[in-house]
ModelCIF file with pLDDT and N, C-alpha, C, O atoms, coordinates in Angstrom:
data_MODEL
#
_entry.id   MODEL 
#
_entity.id                         1 
_entity.type                       polymer 
_entity.pdbx_number_of_molecules   1 
#
_entity_poly.entity_id                      1 
_entity_poly.type                           'polypeptide(L)' 
_entity_poly.nstd_linkage                   no 
_entity_poly.nstd_monomer                   no 
_entity_poly.pdbx_seq_one_letter_code       ATIIIIIINLIYKFTLDQKKVSEIKTRMKELQKKSKDAPNEEKMKYLN 
_entity_poly.pdbx_seq_one_letter_code_can   ATIIIIIINLIYKFTLDQKKVSEIKTRMKELQKKSKDAPNEEKMKYLN 
_entity_poly.pdbx_strand_id                 A 
#
loop_
_entity_poly_seq.entity_id 
_entity_poly_seq.num 
_entity_poly_seq.mon_id 
_entity_poly_seq.hetero 
1 1  ALA n 
1 2  THR n 
1 3  ILE n 
1 4  ILE n 
1 5  ILE n 
1 6  ILE n 
1 7  ILE n 
1 8  ILE n 
1 9  ASN n 
1 10 LEU n 
1 11 ILE n 
1 12 TYR n 
1 13 LYS n 
1 14 PHE n 
1 15 THR n 
1 16 LEU n 
1 17 ASP n 
1 18 GLN n 
1 19 LYS n 
1 20 LYS n 
1 21 VAL n 
1 22 SER n 
1 23 GLU n 
1 24 ILE n 
1 25 LYS n 
1 26 THR n 
1 27 ARG n 
1 28 MET n 
1 29 LYS n 
1 30 GLU n 
1 31 LEU n 
1 32 GLN n 
1 33 LYS n 
1 34 LYS n 
1 35 SER n 
1 36 LYS n 
1 37 ASP n 
1 38 ALA n 
1 39 PRO n 
1 40 ASN n 
1 41 GLU n 
1 42 GLU n 
1 43 LYS n 
1 44 MET n 
1 45 LYS n 
1 46 TYR n 
1 47 LEU n 
1 48 ASN n 
#
_struct_asym.id          A 
_struct_asym.entity_id   1 
#
loop_
_ma_qa_metric.id 
_ma_qa_metric.mode 
_ma_qa_metric.name 
_ma_qa_metric.software_group_id 
_ma_qa_metric.type 
1 global pLDDT . pLDDT 
2 local  pLDDT . pLDDT 
#
_ma_qa_metric_global.metric_id      1 
_ma_qa_metric_global.metric_value   88.62 
_ma_qa_metric_global.model_id       1 
_ma_qa_metric_global.ordinal_id     1 
#
loop_
_ma_qa_metric_local.label_asym_id 
_ma_qa_metric_local.label_comp_id 
_ma_qa_metric_local.label_seq_id 
_ma_qa_metric_local.metric_id 
_ma_qa_metric_local.metric_value 
_ma_qa_metric_local.model_id 
_ma_qa_metric_local.ordinal_id 
A ALA 1  2 96.00 1 1  
A THR 2  2 96.00 1 2  
A ILE 3  2 94.00 1 3  
A ILE 4  2 95.00 1 4  
A ILE 5  2 96.00 1 5  
A ILE 6  2 96.00 1 6  
A ILE 7  2 95.00 1 7  
A ILE 8  2 95.00 1 8  
A ASN 9  2 95.00 1 9  
A LEU 10 2 95.00 1 10 
A ILE 11 2 95.00 1 11 
A TYR 12 2 93.00 1 12 
A LYS 13 2 93.00 1 13 
A PHE 14 2 92.00 1 14 
A THR 15 2 92.00 1 15 
A LEU 16 2 92.00 1 16 
A ASP 17 2 90.00 1 17 
A GLN 18 2 90.00 1 18 
A LYS 19 2 91.00 1 19 
A LYS 20 2 91.00 1 20 
A VAL 21 2 90.00 1 21 
A SER 22 2 90.00 1 22 
A GLU 23 2 91.00 1 23 
A ILE 24 2 91.00 1 24 
A LYS 25 2 90.00 1 25 
A THR 26 2 90.00 1 26 
A ARG 27 2 91.00 1 27 
A MET 28 2 89.00 1 28 
A LYS 29 2 90.00 1 29 
A GLU 30 2 88.00 1 30 
A LEU 31 2 86.00 1 31 
A GLN 32 2 87.00 1 32 
A LYS 33 2 86.00 1 33 
A LYS 34 2 83.00 1 34 
A SER 35 2 83.00 1 35 
A LYS 36 2 81.00 1 36 
A ASP 37 2 78.00 1 37 
A ALA 38 2 76.00 1 38 
A PRO 39 2 79.00 1 39 
A ASN 40 2 75.00 1 40 
A GLU 41 2 75.00 1 41 
A GLU 42 2 80.00 1 42 
A LYS 43 2 81.00 1 43 
A MET 44 2 85.00 1 44 
A LYS 45 2 86.00 1 45 
A TYR 46 2 85.00 1 46 
A LEU 47 2 87.00 1 47 
A ASN 48 2 89.00 1 48 
#
loop_
_atom_site.group_PDB 
_atom_site.id 
_atom_site.type_symbol 
_atom_site.label_atom_id 
_atom_site.label_alt_id 
_atom_site.label_comp_id 
_atom_site.label_asym_id 
_atom_site.label_entity_id 
_atom_site.label_seq_id 
_atom_site.pdbx_PDB_ins_code 
_atom_site.Cartn_x 
_atom_site.Cartn_y 
_atom_site.Cartn_z 
_atom_site.occupancy 
_atom_site.B_iso_or_equiv 
_atom_site.pdbx_formal_charge 
_atom_site.auth_seq_id 
_atom_site.auth_comp_id 
_atom_site.auth_asym_id 
_atom_site.auth_atom_id 
_atom_site.pdbx_PDB_model_num 
ATOM 1   N N  . ALA A 1 1  ? 0.935   -0.926 -0.534  1.00 96.00 ? 1  ALA A N  1 
ATOM 2   C CA . ALA A 1 1  ? 0.208   -0.079 0.226   1.00 96.00 ? 1  ALA A CA 1 
ATOM 3   C C  . ALA A 1 1  ? 1.179   1.193  0.191   1.00 96.00 ? 1  ALA A C  1 
ATOM 4   O O  . ALA A 1 1  ? 0.905   2.307  -0.254  1.00 96.00 ? 1  ALA A O  1 
ATOM 5   N N  . THR A 1 2  ? 2.025   0.891  0.596   1.00 96.00 ? 2  THR A N  1 
ATOM 6   C CA . THR A 1 2  ? 2.553   1.972  1.156   1.00 96.00 ? 2  THR A CA 1 
ATOM 7   C C  . THR A 1 2  ? 3.881   2.687  -0.329  1.00 96.00 ? 2  THR A C  1 
ATOM 8   O O  . THR A 1 2  ? 4.151   3.885  -0.422  1.00 96.00 ? 2  THR A O  1 
ATOM 9   N N  . ILE A 1 3  ? 4.275   1.958  -0.958  1.00 94.00 ? 3  ILE A N  1 
ATOM 10  C CA . ILE A 1 3  ? 4.960   1.535  -2.197  1.00 94.00 ? 3  ILE A CA 1 
ATOM 11  C C  . ILE A 1 3  ? 3.435   2.037  -3.705  1.00 94.00 ? 3  ILE A C  1 
ATOM 12  O O  . ILE A 1 3  ? 3.869   2.867  -4.504  1.00 94.00 ? 3  ILE A O  1 
ATOM 13  N N  . ILE A 1 4  ? 1.927   1.578  -3.991  1.00 95.00 ? 4  ILE A N  1 
ATOM 14  C CA . ILE A 1 4  ? 1.471   1.980  -4.088  1.00 95.00 ? 4  ILE A CA 1 
ATOM 15  C C  . ILE A 1 4  ? 0.759   4.331  -3.791  1.00 95.00 ? 4  ILE A C  1 
ATOM 16  O O  . ILE A 1 4  ? 0.454   5.384  -4.350  1.00 95.00 ? 4  ILE A O  1 
ATOM 17  N N  . ILE A 1 5  ? 0.907   3.771  -2.785  1.00 96.00 ? 5  ILE A N  1 
ATOM 18  C CA . ILE A 1 5  ? 0.632   5.214  -2.704  1.00 96.00 ? 5  ILE A CA 1 
ATOM 19  C C  . ILE A 1 5  ? 1.302   6.831  -2.603  1.00 96.00 ? 5  ILE A C  1 
ATOM 20  O O  . ILE A 1 5  ? 0.914   7.987  -2.433  1.00 96.00 ? 5  ILE A O  1 
ATOM 21  N N  . ILE A 1 6  ? 2.867   5.886  -2.882  1.00 96.00 ? 6  ILE A N  1 
ATOM 22  C CA . ILE A 1 6  ? 4.012   6.584  -2.903  1.00 96.00 ? 6  ILE A CA 1 
ATOM 23  C C  . ILE A 1 6  ? 4.084   7.203  -4.672  1.00 96.00 ? 6  ILE A C  1 
ATOM 24  O O  . ILE A 1 6  ? 4.196   8.413  -4.872  1.00 96.00 ? 6  ILE A O  1 
ATOM 25  N N  . ILE A 1 7  ? 4.018   6.401  -5.612  1.00 95.00 ? 7  ILE A N  1 
ATOM 26  C CA . ILE A 1 7  ? 3.988   6.347  -7.204  1.00 95.00 ? 7  ILE A CA 1 
ATOM 27  C C  . ILE A 1 7  ? 2.546   7.136  -7.207  1.00 95.00 ? 7  ILE A C  1 
ATOM 28  O O  . ILE A 1 7  ? 2.408   7.833  -8.212  1.00 95.00 ? 7  ILE A O  1 
ATOM 29  N N  . ILE A 1 8  ? 1.565   7.165  -6.385  1.00 95.00 ? 8  ILE A N  1 
ATOM 30  C CA . ILE A 1 8  ? 1.046   8.218  -7.443  1.00 95.00 ? 8  ILE A CA 1 
ATOM 31  C C  . ILE A 1 8  ? 0.899   9.016  -7.000  1.00 95.00 ? 8  ILE A C  1 
ATOM 32  O O  . ILE A 1 8  ? -0.120  9.487  -7.504  1.00 95.00 ? 8  ILE A O  1 
ATOM 33  N N  . ASN A 1 9  ? 1.413   9.930  -5.935  1.00 95.00 ? 9  ASN A N  1 
ATOM 34  C CA . ASN A 1 9  ? 2.255   10.927 -4.868  1.00 95.00 ? 9  ASN A CA 1 
ATOM 35  C C  . ASN A 1 9  ? 2.792   11.353 -6.640  1.00 95.00 ? 9  ASN A C  1 
ATOM 36  O O  . ASN A 1 9  ? 2.559   12.424 -7.200  1.00 95.00 ? 9  ASN A O  1 
ATOM 37  N N  . LEU A 1 10 ? 3.406   10.381 -7.124  1.00 95.00 ? 10 LEU A N  1 
ATOM 38  C CA . LEU A 1 10 ? 4.351   10.453 -7.480  1.00 95.00 ? 10 LEU A CA 1 
ATOM 39  C C  . LEU A 1 10 ? 4.296   11.102 -9.290  1.00 95.00 ? 10 LEU A C  1 
ATOM 40  O O  . LEU A 1 10 ? 4.843   12.060 -9.836  1.00 95.00 ? 10 LEU A O  1 
ATOM 41  N N  . ILE A 1 11 ? 3.699   10.418 -9.601  1.00 95.00 ? 11 ILE A N  1 
ATOM 42  C CA . ILE A 1 11 ? 2.198   11.083 -11.133 1.00 95.00 ? 11 ILE A CA 1 
ATOM 43  C C  . ILE A 1 11 ? 1.736   12.416 -10.540 1.00 95.00 ? 11 ILE A C  1 
ATOM 44  O O  . ILE A 1 11 ? 1.789   13.520 -11.081 1.00 95.00 ? 11 ILE A O  1 
ATOM 45  N N  . TYR A 1 12 ? 1.369   12.167 -9.575  1.00 93.00 ? 12 TYR A N  1 
ATOM 46  C CA . TYR A 1 12 ? 0.836   13.884 -9.137  1.00 93.00 ? 12 TYR A CA 1 
ATOM 47  C C  . TYR A 1 12 ? 1.311   15.054 -9.407  1.00 93.00 ? 12 TYR A C  1 
ATOM 48  O O  . TYR A 1 12 ? 1.002   16.040 -10.076 1.00 93.00 ? 12 TYR A O  1 
ATOM 49  N N  . LYS A 1 13 ? 2.022   14.754 -8.820  1.00 93.00 ? 13 LYS A N  1 
ATOM 50  C CA . LYS A 1 13 ? 3.868   15.201 -8.681  1.00 93.00 ? 13 LYS A CA 1 
ATOM 51  C C  . LYS A 1 13 ? 3.867   15.917 -9.933  1.00 93.00 ? 13 LYS A C  1 
ATOM 52  O O  . LYS A 1 13 ? 3.198   16.839 -10.398 1.00 93.00 ? 13 LYS A O  1 
ATOM 53  N N  . PHE A 1 14 ? 4.663   15.326 -10.265 1.00 92.00 ? 14 PHE A N  1 
ATOM 54  C CA . PHE A 1 14 ? 5.145   15.647 -11.748 1.00 92.00 ? 14 PHE A CA 1 
ATOM 55  C C  . PHE A 1 14 ? 4.001   15.792 -12.845 1.00 92.00 ? 14 PHE A C  1 
ATOM 56  O O  . PHE A 1 14 ? 4.469   15.828 -13.982 1.00 92.00 ? 14 PHE A O  1 
ATOM 57  N N  . THR A 1 15 ? 2.973   15.860 -12.798 1.00 92.00 ? 15 THR A N  1 
ATOM 58  C CA . THR A 1 15 ? 2.121   14.938 -14.206 1.00 92.00 ? 15 THR A CA 1 
ATOM 59  C C  . THR A 1 15 ? 1.518   17.026 -13.724 1.00 92.00 ? 15 THR A C  1 
ATOM 60  O O  . THR A 1 15 ? 1.076   17.833 -14.541 1.00 92.00 ? 15 THR A O  1 
ATOM 61  N N  . LEU A 1 16 ? 1.693   17.214 -12.571 1.00 92.00 ? 16 LEU A N  1 
ATOM 62  C CA . LEU A 1 16 ? 0.246   18.325 -12.399 1.00 92.00 ? 16 LEU A CA 1 
ATOM 63  C C  . LEU A 1 16 ? 1.156   19.247 -11.576 1.00 92.00 ? 16 LEU A C  1 
ATOM 64  O O  . LEU A 1 16 ? 1.922   18.925 -10.668 1.00 92.00 ? 16 LEU A O  1 
ATOM 65  N N  . ASP A 1 17 ? 0.771   21.145 -12.375 1.00 90.00 ? 17 ASP A N  1 
ATOM 66  C CA . ASP A 1 17 ? 1.080   21.964 -11.975 1.00 90.00 ? 17 ASP A CA 1 
ATOM 67  C C  . ASP A 1 17 ? 0.617   21.669 -10.678 1.00 90.00 ? 17 ASP A C  1 
ATOM 68  O O  . ASP A 1 17 ? -0.472  21.317 -10.224 1.00 90.00 ? 17 ASP A O  1 
ATOM 69  N N  . GLN A 1 18 ? 1.977   21.955 -10.093 1.00 90.00 ? 18 GLN A N  1 
ATOM 70  C CA . GLN A 1 18 ? 1.761   21.717 -8.899  1.00 90.00 ? 18 GLN A CA 1 
ATOM 71  C C  . GLN A 1 18 ? 0.983   23.961 -7.975  1.00 90.00 ? 18 GLN A C  1 
ATOM 72  O O  . GLN A 1 18 ? -0.004  24.513 -7.490  1.00 90.00 ? 18 GLN A O  1 
ATOM 73  N N  . LYS A 1 19 ? 2.188   24.163 -8.305  1.00 91.00 ? 19 LYS A N  1 
ATOM 74  C CA . LYS A 1 19 ? 1.796   25.838 -9.030  1.00 91.00 ? 19 LYS A CA 1 
ATOM 75  C C  . LYS A 1 19 ? 0.457   26.314 -9.171  1.00 91.00 ? 19 LYS A C  1 
ATOM 76  O O  . LYS A 1 19 ? 0.464   27.101 -8.225  1.00 91.00 ? 19 LYS A O  1 
ATOM 77  N N  . LYS A 1 20 ? -0.443  26.391 -9.557  1.00 91.00 ? 20 LYS A N  1 
ATOM 78  C CA . LYS A 1 20 ? -1.179  26.188 -10.126 1.00 91.00 ? 20 LYS A CA 1 
ATOM 79  C C  . LYS A 1 20 ? -2.803  25.528 -9.899  1.00 91.00 ? 20 LYS A C  1 
ATOM 80  O O  . LYS A 1 20 ? -3.917  25.862 -10.303 1.00 91.00 ? 20 LYS A O  1 
ATOM 81  N N  . VAL A 1 21 ? -2.204  24.267 -8.914  1.00 90.00 ? 21 VAL A N  1 
ATOM 82  C CA . VAL A 1 21 ? -3.058  24.079 -8.670  1.00 90.00 ? 21 VAL A CA 1 
ATOM 83  C C  . VAL A 1 21 ? -3.768  24.024 -7.244  1.00 90.00 ? 21 VAL A C  1 
ATOM 84  O O  . VAL A 1 21 ? -4.851  23.582 -6.861  1.00 90.00 ? 21 VAL A O  1 
ATOM 85  N N  . SER A 1 22 ? -2.286  24.905 -6.380  1.00 90.00 ? 22 SER A N  1 
ATOM 86  C CA . SER A 1 22 ? -2.753  26.115 -4.554  1.00 90.00 ? 22 SER A CA 1 
ATOM 87  C C  . SER A 1 22 ? -3.328  27.228 -5.148  1.00 90.00 ? 22 SER A C  1 
ATOM 88  O O  . SER A 1 22 ? -3.789  28.115 -4.430  1.00 90.00 ? 22 SER A O  1 
ATOM 89  N N  . GLU A 1 23 ? -3.369  27.314 -6.472  1.00 91.00 ? 23 GLU A N  1 
ATOM 90  C CA . GLU A 1 23 ? -3.670  28.438 -6.668  1.00 91.00 ? 23 GLU A CA 1 
ATOM 91  C C  . GLU A 1 23 ? -5.012  28.314 -6.690  1.00 91.00 ? 23 GLU A C  1 
ATOM 92  O O  . GLU A 1 23 ? -5.603  29.069 -5.917  1.00 91.00 ? 23 GLU A O  1 
ATOM 93  N N  . ILE A 1 24 ? -5.984  27.240 -7.659  1.00 91.00 ? 24 ILE A N  1 
ATOM 94  C CA . ILE A 1 24 ? -7.770  26.668 -7.642  1.00 91.00 ? 24 ILE A CA 1 
ATOM 95  C C  . ILE A 1 24 ? -7.925  26.871 -6.231  1.00 91.00 ? 24 ILE A C  1 
ATOM 96  O O  . ILE A 1 24 ? -8.913  27.492 -5.839  1.00 91.00 ? 24 ILE A O  1 
ATOM 97  N N  . LYS A 1 25 ? -7.193  26.488 -5.525  1.00 90.00 ? 25 LYS A N  1 
ATOM 98  C CA . LYS A 1 25 ? -7.923  25.355 -4.900  1.00 90.00 ? 25 LYS A CA 1 
ATOM 99  C C  . LYS A 1 25 ? -7.612  27.498 -3.358  1.00 90.00 ? 25 LYS A C  1 
ATOM 100 O O  . LYS A 1 25 ? -7.253  27.130 -2.239  1.00 90.00 ? 25 LYS A O  1 
ATOM 101 N N  . THR A 1 26 ? -7.677  28.218 -3.407  1.00 90.00 ? 26 THR A N  1 
ATOM 102 C CA . THR A 1 26 ? -7.129  29.294 -2.832  1.00 90.00 ? 26 THR A CA 1 
ATOM 103 C C  . THR A 1 26 ? -7.914  29.655 -2.664  1.00 90.00 ? 26 THR A C  1 
ATOM 104 O O  . THR A 1 26 ? -8.590  29.726 -1.638  1.00 90.00 ? 26 THR A O  1 
ATOM 105 N N  . ARG A 1 27 ? -8.212  30.398 -4.831  1.00 91.00 ? 27 ARG A N  1 
ATOM 106 C CA . ARG A 1 27 ? -9.435  30.975 -5.092  1.00 91.00 ? 27 ARG A CA 1 
ATOM 107 C C  . ARG A 1 27 ? -10.498 30.634 -5.032  1.00 91.00 ? 27 ARG A C  1 
ATOM 108 O O  . ARG A 1 27 ? -11.394 31.475 -4.965  1.00 91.00 ? 27 ARG A O  1 
ATOM 109 N N  . MET A 1 28 ? -10.844 28.934 -5.036  1.00 89.00 ? 28 MET A N  1 
ATOM 110 C CA . MET A 1 28 ? -11.880 28.242 -4.279  1.00 89.00 ? 28 MET A CA 1 
ATOM 111 C C  . MET A 1 28 ? -12.183 28.875 -3.001  1.00 89.00 ? 28 MET A C  1 
ATOM 112 O O  . MET A 1 28 ? -12.861 29.858 -2.704  1.00 89.00 ? 28 MET A O  1 
ATOM 113 N N  . LYS A 1 29 ? -11.754 28.356 -2.582  1.00 90.00 ? 29 LYS A N  1 
ATOM 114 C CA . LYS A 1 29 ? -12.172 28.614 -0.495  1.00 90.00 ? 29 LYS A CA 1 
ATOM 115 C C  . LYS A 1 29 ? -12.189 30.317 -1.067  1.00 90.00 ? 29 LYS A C  1 
ATOM 116 O O  . LYS A 1 29 ? -13.316 30.684 -0.735  1.00 90.00 ? 29 LYS A O  1 
ATOM 117 N N  . GLU A 1 30 ? -11.502 31.505 -1.749  1.00 88.00 ? 30 GLU A N  1 
ATOM 118 C CA . GLU A 1 30 ? -11.958 32.895 -1.327  1.00 88.00 ? 30 GLU A CA 1 
ATOM 119 C C  . GLU A 1 30 ? -13.604 32.844 -1.558  1.00 88.00 ? 30 GLU A C  1 
ATOM 120 O O  . GLU A 1 30 ? -14.482 33.478 -0.973  1.00 88.00 ? 30 GLU A O  1 
ATOM 121 N N  . LEU A 1 31 ? -13.691 31.991 -2.479  1.00 86.00 ? 31 LEU A N  1 
ATOM 122 C CA . LEU A 1 31 ? -14.366 32.659 -3.806  1.00 86.00 ? 31 LEU A CA 1 
ATOM 123 C C  . LEU A 1 31 ? -16.152 31.365 -2.591  1.00 86.00 ? 31 LEU A C  1 
ATOM 124 O O  . LEU A 1 31 ? -17.218 31.463 -3.199  1.00 86.00 ? 31 LEU A O  1 
ATOM 125 N N  . GLN A 1 32 ? -16.226 30.736 -1.660  1.00 87.00 ? 32 GLN A N  1 
ATOM 126 C CA . GLN A 1 32 ? -17.116 29.712 -1.076  1.00 87.00 ? 32 GLN A CA 1 
ATOM 127 C C  . GLN A 1 32 ? -17.130 30.940 -0.168  1.00 87.00 ? 32 GLN A C  1 
ATOM 128 O O  . GLN A 1 32 ? -18.117 31.656 -0.002  1.00 87.00 ? 32 GLN A O  1 
ATOM 129 N N  . LYS A 1 33 ? -16.080 31.091 0.333   1.00 86.00 ? 33 LYS A N  1 
ATOM 130 C CA . LYS A 1 33 ? -15.826 32.158 1.699   1.00 86.00 ? 33 LYS A CA 1 
ATOM 131 C C  . LYS A 1 33 ? -17.123 33.135 1.091   1.00 86.00 ? 33 LYS A C  1 
ATOM 132 O O  . LYS A 1 33 ? -18.274 32.933 1.478   1.00 86.00 ? 33 LYS A O  1 
ATOM 133 N N  . LYS A 1 34 ? -16.811 34.140 0.163   1.00 83.00 ? 34 LYS A N  1 
ATOM 134 C CA . LYS A 1 34 ? -17.612 35.458 -0.141  1.00 83.00 ? 34 LYS A CA 1 
ATOM 135 C C  . LYS A 1 34 ? -18.874 35.298 -0.660  1.00 83.00 ? 34 LYS A C  1 
ATOM 136 O O  . LYS A 1 34 ? -19.657 36.203 -0.949  1.00 83.00 ? 34 LYS A O  1 
ATOM 137 N N  . SER A 1 35 ? -19.110 33.635 -0.813  1.00 83.00 ? 35 SER A N  1 
ATOM 138 C CA . SER A 1 35 ? -20.500 33.555 -1.905  1.00 83.00 ? 35 SER A CA 1 
ATOM 139 C C  . SER A 1 35 ? -22.038 33.302 -0.811  1.00 83.00 ? 35 SER A C  1 
ATOM 140 O O  . SER A 1 35 ? -23.182 33.597 -1.156  1.00 83.00 ? 35 SER A O  1 
ATOM 141 N N  . LYS A 1 36 ? -21.516 32.514 0.919   1.00 81.00 ? 36 LYS A N  1 
ATOM 142 C CA . LYS A 1 36 ? -21.759 32.358 1.967   1.00 81.00 ? 36 LYS A CA 1 
ATOM 143 C C  . LYS A 1 36 ? -22.512 33.655 1.996   1.00 81.00 ? 36 LYS A C  1 
ATOM 144 O O  . LYS A 1 36 ? -23.711 33.917 2.093   1.00 81.00 ? 36 LYS A O  1 
ATOM 145 N N  . ASP A 1 37 ? -21.452 34.367 1.882   1.00 78.00 ? 37 ASP A N  1 
ATOM 146 C CA . ASP A 1 37 ? -22.490 35.623 2.999   1.00 78.00 ? 37 ASP A CA 1 
ATOM 147 C C  . ASP A 1 37 ? -22.739 37.083 2.032   1.00 78.00 ? 37 ASP A C  1 
ATOM 148 O O  . ASP A 1 37 ? -22.556 38.272 2.293   1.00 78.00 ? 37 ASP A O  1 
ATOM 149 N N  . ALA A 1 38 ? -23.214 36.412 0.880   1.00 76.00 ? 38 ALA A N  1 
ATOM 150 C CA . ALA A 1 38 ? -22.830 37.454 -0.631  1.00 76.00 ? 38 ALA A CA 1 
ATOM 151 C C  . ALA A 1 38 ? -24.802 36.876 -0.735  1.00 76.00 ? 38 ALA A C  1 
ATOM 152 O O  . ALA A 1 38 ? -25.380 35.898 -0.261  1.00 76.00 ? 38 ALA A O  1 
ATOM 153 N N  . PRO A 1 39 ? -25.344 38.185 -1.680  1.00 79.00 ? 39 PRO A N  1 
ATOM 154 C CA . PRO A 1 39 ? -26.032 38.594 -1.762  1.00 79.00 ? 39 PRO A CA 1 
ATOM 155 C C  . PRO A 1 39 ? -26.750 37.640 -2.633  1.00 79.00 ? 39 PRO A C  1 
ATOM 156 O O  . PRO A 1 39 ? -25.888 37.208 -3.399  1.00 79.00 ? 39 PRO A O  1 
ATOM 157 N N  . ASN A 1 40 ? -28.551 36.765 -3.076  1.00 75.00 ? 40 ASN A N  1 
ATOM 158 C CA . ASN A 1 40 ? -28.673 36.176 -4.262  1.00 75.00 ? 40 ASN A CA 1 
ATOM 159 C C  . ASN A 1 40 ? -27.931 35.920 -5.691  1.00 75.00 ? 40 ASN A C  1 
ATOM 160 O O  . ASN A 1 40 ? -27.703 35.054 -6.536  1.00 75.00 ? 40 ASN A O  1 
ATOM 161 N N  . GLU A 1 41 ? -27.656 37.675 -5.267  1.00 75.00 ? 41 GLU A N  1 
ATOM 162 C CA . GLU A 1 41 ? -27.519 37.538 -6.987  1.00 75.00 ? 41 GLU A CA 1 
ATOM 163 C C  . GLU A 1 41 ? -25.230 37.631 -7.593  1.00 75.00 ? 41 GLU A C  1 
ATOM 164 O O  . GLU A 1 41 ? -24.465 37.352 -8.517  1.00 75.00 ? 41 GLU A O  1 
ATOM 165 N N  . GLU A 1 42 ? -25.270 38.222 -6.205  1.00 80.00 ? 42 GLU A N  1 
ATOM 166 C CA . GLU A 1 42 ? -23.775 38.007 -6.104  1.00 80.00 ? 42 GLU A CA 1 
ATOM 167 C C  . GLU A 1 42 ? -23.636 36.151 -6.736  1.00 80.00 ? 42 GLU A C  1 
ATOM 168 O O  . GLU A 1 42 ? -23.351 35.569 -7.783  1.00 80.00 ? 42 GLU A O  1 
ATOM 169 N N  . LYS A 1 43 ? -24.080 35.781 -5.209  1.00 81.00 ? 43 LYS A N  1 
ATOM 170 C CA . LYS A 1 43 ? -23.649 34.340 -5.234  1.00 81.00 ? 43 LYS A CA 1 
ATOM 171 C C  . LYS A 1 43 ? -23.944 33.764 -5.597  1.00 81.00 ? 43 LYS A C  1 
ATOM 172 O O  . LYS A 1 43 ? -23.799 32.673 -5.047  1.00 81.00 ? 43 LYS A O  1 
ATOM 173 N N  . MET A 1 44 ? -24.731 33.799 -6.989  1.00 85.00 ? 44 MET A N  1 
ATOM 174 C CA . MET A 1 44 ? -24.817 33.685 -9.304  1.00 85.00 ? 44 MET A CA 1 
ATOM 175 C C  . MET A 1 44 ? -23.733 33.065 -8.997  1.00 85.00 ? 44 MET A C  1 
ATOM 176 O O  . MET A 1 44 ? -23.383 32.062 -8.375  1.00 85.00 ? 44 MET A O  1 
ATOM 177 N N  . LYS A 1 45 ? -23.143 34.189 -9.780  1.00 86.00 ? 45 LYS A N  1 
ATOM 178 C CA . LYS A 1 45 ? -21.973 34.923 -9.772  1.00 86.00 ? 45 LYS A CA 1 
ATOM 179 C C  . LYS A 1 45 ? -20.493 33.776 -9.504  1.00 86.00 ? 45 LYS A C  1 
ATOM 180 O O  . LYS A 1 45 ? -19.634 33.160 -10.134 1.00 86.00 ? 45 LYS A O  1 
ATOM 181 N N  . TYR A 1 46 ? -21.147 34.152 -7.582  1.00 85.00 ? 46 TYR A N  1 
ATOM 182 C CA . TYR A 1 46 ? -19.738 33.834 -6.991  1.00 85.00 ? 46 TYR A CA 1 
ATOM 183 C C  . TYR A 1 46 ? -19.222 31.581 -7.391  1.00 85.00 ? 46 TYR A C  1 
ATOM 184 O O  . TYR A 1 46 ? -18.176 30.960 -7.199  1.00 85.00 ? 46 TYR A O  1 
ATOM 185 N N  . LEU A 1 47 ? -20.810 31.075 -8.050  1.00 87.00 ? 47 LEU A N  1 
ATOM 186 C CA . LEU A 1 47 ? -21.312 29.640 -8.084  1.00 87.00 ? 47 LEU A CA 1 
ATOM 187 C C  . LEU A 1 47 ? -20.504 29.593 -9.715  1.00 87.00 ? 47 LEU A C  1 
ATOM 188 O O  . LEU A 1 47 ? -19.554 28.823 -9.849  1.00 87.00 ? 47 LEU A O  1 
ATOM 189 N N  . ASN A 1 48 ? -20.817 30.191 -10.529 1.00 89.00 ? 48 ASN A N  1 
ATOM 190 C CA . ASN A 1 48 ? -20.953 30.149 -11.243 1.00 89.00 ? 48 ASN A CA 1 
ATOM 191 C C  . ASN A 1 48 ? -19.000 29.800 -11.973 1.00 89.00 ? 48 ASN A C  1 
ATOM 192 O O  . ASN A 1 48 ? -18.807 29.668 -13.181 1.00 89.00 ? 48 ASN A O  1 
#
């Protein structure tokens, strides 16, 4: 199991842009936080 998981992690590490993934996750958290307290019309914009 350890070997399999290390292999999978290496695949993601070298085939996925780690910097971009980090930016996406940060942006998603920001949007989720903004949409939580936003009015309905703005909430749809964040959801889109």
